[in-house]
Protein backbone atom coordinates (compact mmCIF):
# COMPACT_ATOMS: atom_id res chain seq x y z
CA UNK A 1 -17.03 18.77 1.94
CA UNK A 2 -14.40 19.81 -0.60
CA UNK A 3 -11.38 22.05 -0.32
CA UNK A 4 -11.55 25.64 -1.57
CA UNK A 5 -9.25 25.21 -4.57
CA UNK A 6 -9.36 26.81 -8.00
CA UNK A 7 -9.05 24.43 -10.97
CA UNK A 8 -5.43 25.57 -11.48
CA UNK A 9 -4.62 24.99 -7.81
CA UNK A 10 -6.20 21.53 -7.91
CA UNK A 11 -4.23 20.54 -11.00
CA UNK A 12 -0.92 21.91 -9.75
CA UNK A 13 -1.09 20.63 -6.16
CA UNK A 14 -2.36 17.09 -6.58
CA UNK A 15 0.86 15.51 -5.44
CA UNK A 16 2.17 11.98 -4.99
CA UNK A 17 1.56 11.74 -1.23
CA UNK A 18 3.65 9.26 0.73
CA UNK A 19 4.85 10.80 3.99
CA UNK A 20 1.76 12.88 4.68
CA UNK A 21 -0.87 10.14 4.60
CA UNK A 22 -2.95 10.03 7.79
CA UNK A 23 -2.57 6.40 8.81
CA UNK A 24 -4.95 6.68 11.77
CA UNK A 25 -8.14 7.84 10.08
CA UNK A 26 -10.41 5.58 8.03
CA UNK A 27 -11.69 6.86 4.69
CA UNK A 28 -15.52 6.87 4.46
CA UNK A 29 -16.91 4.68 1.72
CA UNK A 30 -19.12 7.47 0.42
CA UNK A 31 -16.09 9.68 -0.31
CA UNK A 32 -14.47 6.93 -2.35
CA UNK A 33 -17.73 6.38 -4.22
CA UNK A 34 -17.93 10.09 -5.02
CA UNK A 35 -14.41 9.96 -6.43
CA UNK A 36 -15.26 6.94 -8.59
CA UNK A 37 -18.42 8.66 -9.87
CA UNK A 38 -16.24 11.54 -11.07
CA UNK A 39 -13.52 9.23 -12.37
CA UNK A 40 -15.87 7.48 -14.78
CA UNK A 41 -16.74 10.79 -16.42
CA UNK A 42 -13.28 10.65 -18.01
CA UNK A 43 -12.85 9.93 -21.73
CA UNK A 44 -12.72 6.28 -22.74
CA UNK A 45 -11.75 4.72 -26.05
CA UNK A 46 -14.81 4.07 -28.23
CA UNK A 47 -16.96 4.60 -25.12
CA UNK A 48 -16.21 1.02 -24.05
CA UNK A 49 -15.92 1.99 -20.36
CA UNK A 50 -13.71 -0.98 -19.52
CA UNK A 51 -12.47 0.52 -16.26
CA UNK A 52 -12.77 -1.06 -12.82
CA UNK A 53 -11.80 0.19 -9.36
CA UNK A 54 -11.03 -2.34 -6.63
CA UNK A 55 -11.03 -0.78 -3.18
CA UNK A 56 -9.47 -2.70 -0.29
CA UNK A 57 -10.33 -1.58 3.24
CA UNK A 58 -10.99 -4.82 5.16
CA UNK A 59 -8.07 -5.31 7.59
CA UNK A 60 -7.13 -8.89 6.73
CA UNK A 61 -7.35 -8.22 3.00
CA UNK A 62 -5.30 -5.05 3.41
CA UNK A 63 -2.56 -7.04 5.15
CA UNK A 64 -2.49 -9.57 2.33
CA UNK A 65 -2.34 -6.85 -0.31
CA UNK A 66 0.32 -4.89 1.61
CA UNK A 67 2.45 -8.03 1.80
CA UNK A 68 2.30 -8.40 -1.99
CA UNK A 69 3.26 -4.73 -2.37
CA UNK A 70 6.36 -5.22 -0.22
CA UNK A 71 7.44 -8.42 -1.93
CA UNK A 72 6.86 -6.96 -5.41
CA UNK A 73 8.88 -3.77 -4.92
CA UNK A 74 12.37 -5.30 -5.09
CA UNK A 75 11.33 -7.34 -8.13
CA UNK A 76 10.50 -4.30 -10.25
CA UNK A 77 12.62 -3.68 -13.33
CA UNK A 78 12.58 -0.99 -15.96
CA UNK A 79 14.59 0.59 -18.71
CA UNK A 80 18.00 1.81 -17.51
CA UNK A 81 18.14 5.50 -16.70
CA UNK A 82 19.63 7.66 -19.41
CA UNK A 83 21.95 10.60 -18.87
CA UNK A 84 19.02 12.91 -19.62
CA UNK A 85 16.82 11.07 -17.10
CA UNK A 86 19.40 11.60 -14.39
CA UNK A 87 19.83 15.27 -15.23
CA UNK A 88 16.09 15.90 -15.11
CA UNK A 89 15.64 13.87 -11.92
CA UNK A 90 18.24 16.03 -10.21
CA UNK A 91 17.52 19.34 -11.93
CA UNK A 92 16.23 20.69 -8.62
CA UNK A 93 18.41 19.84 -5.61
CA UNK A 94 17.12 17.03 -3.39
CA UNK A 95 14.03 16.32 -5.55
CA UNK A 96 14.93 12.68 -6.12
CA UNK A 97 16.20 12.32 -2.57
CA UNK A 98 12.79 13.43 -1.27
CA UNK A 99 10.99 10.99 -3.57
CA UNK A 100 12.99 8.01 -2.31
CA UNK A 101 12.72 9.16 1.28
CA UNK A 102 8.95 9.22 0.82
CA UNK A 103 9.02 5.77 -0.73
CA UNK A 104 10.95 4.39 2.25
CA UNK A 105 8.38 5.88 4.61
CA UNK A 106 5.53 4.39 2.58
CA UNK A 107 7.03 0.91 2.51
CA UNK A 108 7.60 1.02 6.27
CA UNK A 109 3.98 1.94 6.85
CA UNK A 110 2.12 0.35 3.94
CA UNK A 111 0.31 -2.03 6.29
CA UNK A 112 -1.18 0.97 8.10
CA UNK A 113 -2.68 2.69 5.04
CA UNK A 114 -6.48 2.65 5.51
CA UNK A 115 -7.42 2.00 1.89
CA UNK A 116 -5.89 0.74 -1.34
CA UNK A 117 -7.38 1.56 -4.73
CA UNK A 118 -6.38 -0.80 -7.51
CA UNK A 119 -7.64 0.30 -10.93
CA UNK A 120 -8.08 -2.32 -13.60
CA UNK A 121 -8.98 -2.34 -17.26
CA UNK A 122 -10.57 -5.09 -19.34
CA UNK A 123 -8.22 -6.49 -21.94
CA UNK A 124 -4.54 -7.32 -21.47
CA UNK A 125 -1.75 -5.63 -23.43
CA UNK A 126 1.02 -8.15 -22.81
CA UNK A 127 3.20 -8.09 -25.97
CA UNK A 128 0.53 -6.06 -27.80
CA UNK A 129 1.38 -3.51 -30.52
CA UNK A 130 1.77 0.09 -29.44
CA UNK A 131 -1.61 1.04 -30.94
CA UNK A 132 -3.38 -1.54 -28.77
CA UNK A 133 -1.44 -0.50 -25.69
CA UNK A 134 -2.25 3.16 -26.28
CA UNK A 135 -5.97 2.41 -26.51
CA UNK A 136 -6.01 0.40 -23.30
CA UNK A 137 -3.88 2.73 -21.19
CA UNK A 138 -5.59 5.77 -22.66
CA UNK A 139 -8.88 4.38 -21.39
CA UNK A 140 -7.78 3.89 -17.77
CA UNK A 141 -5.19 6.61 -17.04
CA UNK A 142 -7.55 9.60 -17.51
CA UNK A 143 -10.09 7.96 -15.20
CA UNK A 144 -7.51 7.26 -12.51
CA UNK A 145 -6.12 10.80 -12.69
CA UNK A 146 -9.68 12.11 -12.34
CA UNK A 147 -10.05 9.88 -9.27
CA UNK A 148 -6.85 11.32 -7.81
CA UNK A 149 -7.97 14.90 -8.48
CA UNK A 150 -11.34 14.20 -6.87
CA UNK A 151 -9.57 12.68 -3.88
CA UNK A 152 -7.34 15.74 -3.47
CA UNK A 153 -10.39 18.01 -3.56
CA UNK A 154 -11.81 16.01 -0.64
CA UNK A 155 -8.69 16.20 1.49
CA UNK A 156 -7.45 12.75 0.48
CA UNK A 157 -3.97 11.85 -0.66
CA UNK A 158 -2.93 9.34 -3.31
CA UNK A 159 0.20 8.14 -5.06
CA UNK A 160 0.29 6.21 -8.32
CA UNK A 161 2.58 3.21 -7.99
CA UNK A 162 3.11 0.22 -10.24
CA UNK A 163 4.36 -1.94 -7.39
CA UNK A 164 1.81 -4.61 -8.25
CA UNK A 165 3.33 -5.33 -11.65
CA UNK A 166 5.87 -8.09 -10.82
CA UNK A 167 3.28 -9.99 -8.74
CA UNK A 168 0.17 -8.91 -10.61
CA UNK A 169 -1.08 -12.46 -11.08
CA UNK A 170 -0.78 -13.19 -7.35
CA UNK A 171 -2.54 -9.91 -6.51
CA UNK A 172 -5.32 -10.77 -8.94
CA UNK A 173 -5.75 -14.14 -7.24
CA UNK A 174 -6.00 -12.53 -3.79
CA UNK A 175 -8.57 -10.05 -5.11
CA UNK A 176 -10.54 -12.63 -7.08
CA UNK A 177 -9.77 -10.88 -10.38
CA UNK A 178 -9.79 -12.94 -13.62
CA UNK A 179 -6.19 -12.28 -14.60
CA UNK A 180 -6.55 -13.34 -18.23
CA UNK A 181 -9.33 -10.77 -18.73
CA UNK A 182 -8.37 -7.85 -16.48
CA UNK A 183 -5.11 -5.92 -16.31
CA UNK A 184 -4.39 -4.36 -12.91
CA UNK A 185 -3.01 -0.98 -13.91
CA UNK A 186 -1.75 0.49 -10.64
CA UNK A 187 -1.58 0.24 -6.87
CA UNK A 188 -2.75 3.44 -5.16
CA UNK A 189 -2.59 4.01 -1.40
CA UNK A 190 -5.45 6.27 -0.25
CA UNK A 191 -5.82 8.20 3.00
CA UNK A 192 -6.68 11.60 4.38
CA UNK A 193 -3.68 13.91 4.26
CA UNK A 194 -1.86 15.46 7.17
CA UNK A 195 -2.66 19.06 6.28
CA UNK A 196 -3.85 20.19 2.88
CA UNK A 197 -1.23 22.83 2.03
CA UNK A 198 0.42 21.13 -0.93
CA UNK A 199 2.44 23.18 -3.40
CA UNK A 200 3.33 22.80 -7.07
CA UNK A 201 6.32 20.54 -7.65
CA UNK A 202 9.62 21.84 -9.03
CA UNK A 203 9.89 20.86 -12.68
CA UNK A 204 12.33 21.33 -15.53
CA UNK A 205 11.74 24.46 -17.67
CA UNK A 206 8.82 24.53 -20.08
CA UNK A 207 11.25 25.12 -22.95
CA UNK A 208 12.58 21.60 -22.53
CA UNK A 209 9.22 19.91 -23.00
CA UNK A 210 7.19 22.18 -25.29
CA UNK A 211 7.59 21.72 -29.04
CA UNK A 212 5.90 23.82 -31.72
CA UNK A 213 5.14 22.36 -35.16
CA UNK A 214 8.16 20.03 -35.09
CA UNK A 215 10.63 18.50 -32.64
C-alpha cells in the first residue's frame, strides 16, 4: 500500500524524519525489500552496481549499532561553518533550532528505532582524487535517495546521517563488513511515521542557487 502522492509531492515532502518516527511499530521485511528493489534502479557509474544495503532489525544487533551511533556523534568533525552557511541555516526563523531539536530527540531514542539501513559501496575513497570520489559517491547517493523516496511513498520515514563515520571501522566489524573493501556511506534510521502529512521545507530563494551559463 502506497500513499496517494503526486511525483512533485513525493519529491518535495520526503523529509529528514527524526521526531515523527513511530518507535513502537516494526517495519515489515517485505516493505524494505520493495524499497531496495526500487533503489537499485538508480543510475550507477559504468553500470558497476557496487551498492549494498545492510538492514539491522535484530534487537541485540540494533543495540550494538545504536551504541556506536551514540559514541560516534560527539566525535564528528567537519569544515568550519562560513558566514554564508550560518546565514542560509538561519534564513528562515527556527529552522536550525528545529533540526537540532530533532537530533536531540533521535539520539535519546535511537535504541528504540525498529530498523537501521546502512548503505555501503564497494571501493574506498580515503584520500582519493575528487574524480574517484565523485564516481563512488555518485554511484551510491542516487540509490539511497531512491530508497528514501520509496520509503516515504510507503508511509516510512528516514533521515540521512553520517554518524557512523568516526567509528566506521568498528561498525563494519560489528556488521561483519570487510572494511578495506566496503565504504559505509550513511546511517539511516527507518520507521513508520507518525502521520503522513509532511510539507515542503523552507529553503533559501531559487535565485541564490540557480546559475545560467556562468556563475
